[in-house]
Amino acid sequence: MVKKWMFPIVALVALALVSPVLIAQEEAEAEKKEEAEYEYIGVKRCSFCHKKDGTFPSWEKTAHATTFERLKGDEQKNETCLSCHATGVSAKGDLLEGVQCESCHGPGSDYWKKSIMEDRELSIKNGLWIPDEETCKKCHVGEVPEGHVELPEFNYEEMMKTGVHDMPPAAEESK
């Protein structure tokens, strides 16, 4: 008779001991996702979808697309220069030249898929930044390195008319 009840009691005790550990592990995993480190994927990946909606072709015509080319010699390796004239470094270790999509919208490793990009809130939860005036000011306002040309006066409204890219129809509708 004791043997029949022994197994359920041992199982319950084991479950009581293991449950807090499992719950703590789940909470740690959820916390990791909240603090996710996103990776840069590069403009080529973004262009797969954004060629069709006109965003990519219009961006290619901006100064942002060619800003890396203005750097000469050692400037192309200077971290201070690269902080505004390049997007970052991809997971593969490639320098992403110019002010690409992810300079303003954040590293796209977790939001680039169409199923996520179709849902603005889901995109934001997966790392998409919605750029604003402060995003632009990081490079367009403030001190410049020695030898840099003087920055023109920054006017956010004017910059938005000419300096970025056409807005995809879905983005215009969600404003």
Protein backbone atom coordinates (compact mmCIF):
# COMPACT_ATOMS: atom_id res chain seq x y z
CA MET A 1 0.00 0.00 0.00
CA VAL A 2 2.81 2.42 0.83
CA LYS A 3 4.39 1.76 -2.53
CA LYS A 4 1.21 2.88 -4.41
CA TRP A 5 1.24 6.32 -2.77
CA MET A 6 4.98 6.76 -2.79
CA PHE A 7 5.32 7.57 -6.50
CA PRO A 8 2.68 10.37 -6.61
CA ILE A 9 4.14 11.94 -3.45
CA VAL A 10 7.69 11.86 -4.82
CA ALA A 11 6.43 13.27 -8.15
CA LEU A 12 4.62 16.14 -6.38
CA VAL A 13 7.67 16.97 -4.26
CA ALA A 14 9.90 16.91 -7.35
CA LEU A 15 7.45 19.14 -9.23
CA ALA A 16 7.32 21.56 -6.31
CA LEU A 17 11.12 21.77 -6.31
CA VAL A 18 11.53 22.08 -10.10
CA SER A 19 8.64 24.47 -10.86
CA PRO A 20 10.27 27.62 -9.44
CA VAL A 21 13.40 26.91 -11.47
CA LEU A 22 11.39 26.47 -14.68
CA ILE A 23 9.38 29.63 -14.02
CA ALA A 24 12.59 31.59 -13.36
CA GLN A 25 14.06 30.32 -16.64
CA GLU A 26 10.95 31.38 -18.58
CA GLU A 27 11.05 34.84 -16.99
CA ALA A 28 14.74 35.18 -17.85
CA GLU A 29 14.03 34.25 -21.48
CA ALA A 30 11.20 36.81 -21.66
CA GLU A 31 13.50 39.45 -20.18
CA LYS A 32 16.19 38.63 -22.76
CA LYS A 33 13.68 39.22 -25.55
CA GLU A 34 12.75 42.59 -24.06
CA GLU A 35 16.44 43.53 -24.08
CA ALA A 36 17.09 42.06 -27.53
CA GLU A 37 20.16 43.11 -29.40
CA TYR A 38 19.18 43.58 -32.98
CA GLU A 39 21.60 43.19 -35.88
CA TYR A 40 22.00 45.26 -39.02
CA ILE A 41 20.93 43.53 -42.21
CA GLY A 42 21.74 46.20 -44.82
CA VAL A 43 19.89 48.12 -47.49
CA LYS A 44 19.91 45.23 -49.97
CA ARG A 45 17.55 43.23 -47.77
CA CYS A 46 15.30 46.27 -47.20
CA SER A 47 15.20 46.95 -50.92
CA PHE A 48 13.55 43.61 -51.71
CA CYS A 49 10.21 45.04 -50.60
CA HIS A 50 10.89 48.76 -50.70
CA LYS A 51 11.80 48.84 -54.40
CA LYS A 52 8.18 48.00 -55.18
CA ASP A 53 6.71 50.78 -53.02
CA GLY A 54 9.14 53.44 -54.30
CA THR A 55 10.95 54.01 -51.02
CA PHE A 56 14.30 52.51 -52.07
CA PRO A 57 14.56 54.21 -55.49
CA SER A 58 13.76 57.60 -53.94
CA TRP A 59 16.32 57.05 -51.14
CA GLU A 60 19.01 56.25 -53.73
CA LYS A 61 18.62 59.82 -55.07
CA THR A 62 19.33 61.43 -51.69
CA ALA A 63 22.61 62.65 -50.21
CA HIS A 64 22.12 60.05 -47.46
CA ALA A 65 22.71 57.23 -49.95
CA THR A 66 26.12 58.58 -50.98
CA THR A 67 27.35 60.22 -47.79
CA PHE A 68 30.09 57.60 -47.26
CA GLU A 69 31.60 58.51 -50.63
CA ARG A 70 32.35 62.01 -49.30
CA LEU A 71 34.84 60.54 -46.86
CA LYS A 72 38.40 60.40 -48.14
CA GLY A 73 41.30 58.12 -47.18
CA ASP A 74 41.56 57.52 -43.43
CA GLU A 75 38.20 59.20 -42.83
CA GLN A 76 36.61 55.99 -44.16
CA LYS A 77 38.04 54.16 -41.13
CA ASN A 78 37.56 56.92 -38.56
CA GLU A 79 34.85 55.96 -36.04
CA THR A 80 33.81 59.58 -35.53
CA CYS A 81 33.24 60.02 -39.27
CA LEU A 82 31.57 56.63 -39.65
CA SER A 83 29.08 57.36 -36.87
CA CYS A 84 27.24 59.66 -39.33
CA HIS A 85 28.53 58.59 -42.76
CA ALA A 86 27.85 54.85 -42.36
CA THR A 87 25.01 52.82 -40.89
CA GLY A 88 26.96 50.29 -38.85
CA VAL A 89 28.41 46.83 -39.27
CA SER A 90 26.37 43.83 -40.34
CA ALA A 91 26.39 40.52 -38.49
CA LYS A 92 28.76 39.30 -41.20
CA GLY A 93 31.19 42.11 -40.35
CA ASP A 94 30.52 44.21 -43.47
CA LEU A 95 30.57 48.00 -43.13
CA LEU A 96 27.20 49.35 -44.27
CA GLU A 97 28.23 52.45 -46.18
CA GLY A 98 26.07 55.56 -46.26
CA VAL A 99 23.00 56.49 -44.26
CA GLN A 100 20.99 53.38 -45.04
CA CYS A 101 17.50 52.49 -43.84
CA GLU A 102 18.70 51.19 -40.49
CA SER A 103 20.50 54.43 -39.60
CA CYS A 104 17.08 55.97 -39.01
CA HIS A 105 14.86 52.91 -38.52
CA GLY A 106 17.12 50.74 -36.34
CA PRO A 107 18.76 47.38 -37.01
CA GLY A 108 16.27 45.25 -38.93
CA SER A 109 17.16 41.68 -38.03
CA ASP A 110 13.88 41.12 -36.18
CA TYR A 111 11.42 43.30 -38.11
CA TRP A 112 12.42 42.96 -41.78
CA LYS A 113 10.02 40.13 -42.62
CA LYS A 114 6.90 41.18 -44.52
CA SER A 115 4.60 39.49 -42.00
CA ILE A 116 6.04 41.76 -39.29
CA MET A 117 6.43 44.93 -41.37
CA GLU A 118 2.71 44.82 -42.28
CA ASP A 119 1.91 45.45 -38.60
CA ARG A 120 3.35 48.75 -37.35
CA GLU A 121 3.08 47.87 -33.63
CA LEU A 122 4.59 44.43 -34.17
CA SER A 123 7.43 46.04 -36.14
CA ILE A 124 8.12 48.43 -33.28
CA LYS A 125 8.09 45.56 -30.78
CA ASN A 126 10.68 43.86 -32.98
CA GLY A 127 13.07 46.80 -33.06
CA LEU A 128 11.74 49.25 -35.67
CA TRP A 129 12.45 52.86 -34.74
CA ILE A 130 10.07 55.56 -35.94
CA PRO A 131 12.49 58.38 -36.72
CA ASP A 132 11.80 61.89 -35.55
CA GLU A 133 13.63 65.20 -35.37
CA GLU A 134 15.91 63.92 -32.59
CA THR A 135 17.00 61.04 -34.84
CA CYS A 136 18.17 63.52 -37.46
CA LYS A 137 19.84 65.85 -34.98
CA LYS A 138 22.31 63.13 -33.98
CA CYS A 139 24.24 63.94 -37.16
CA HIS A 140 22.83 67.23 -38.40
CA VAL A 141 23.21 69.36 -35.26
CA GLY A 142 26.14 69.85 -32.92
CA GLU A 143 29.88 69.90 -33.09
CA VAL A 144 31.62 68.47 -36.12
CA PRO A 145 35.07 66.91 -36.24
CA GLU A 146 38.04 69.06 -37.19
CA GLY A 147 38.26 69.44 -40.96
CA HIS A 148 34.55 68.74 -41.51
CA VAL A 149 32.65 71.25 -43.61
CA GLU A 150 30.38 73.50 -41.59
CA LEU A 151 26.91 72.05 -41.28
CA PRO A 152 24.13 74.13 -42.80
CA GLU A 153 21.41 75.31 -40.44
CA PHE A 154 19.18 72.35 -39.71
CA ASN A 155 15.48 72.73 -40.52
CA TYR A 156 13.61 69.50 -39.85
CA GLU A 157 10.53 70.36 -41.93
CA GLU A 158 12.65 71.25 -44.98
CA MET A 159 14.83 68.16 -44.49
CA MET A 160 11.76 65.96 -44.47
CA LYS A 161 10.69 67.40 -47.84
CA THR A 162 13.96 66.69 -49.62
CA GLY A 163 16.44 64.71 -47.55
CA VAL A 164 14.94 61.33 -46.86
CA HIS A 165 12.77 59.17 -49.14
CA ASP A 166 9.24 58.93 -50.46
CA MET A 167 6.88 57.40 -47.97
CA PRO A 168 5.32 54.05 -48.86
CA PRO A 169 1.52 54.28 -49.23
CA ALA A 170 0.88 52.16 -46.10
CA ALA A 171 3.02 54.53 -43.99
CA GLU A 172 1.17 57.56 -45.28
CA GLU A 173 -2.16 55.96 -44.38
CA SER A 174 -1.07 55.12 -40.81
CA LYS A 175 -0.14 58.73 -39.95
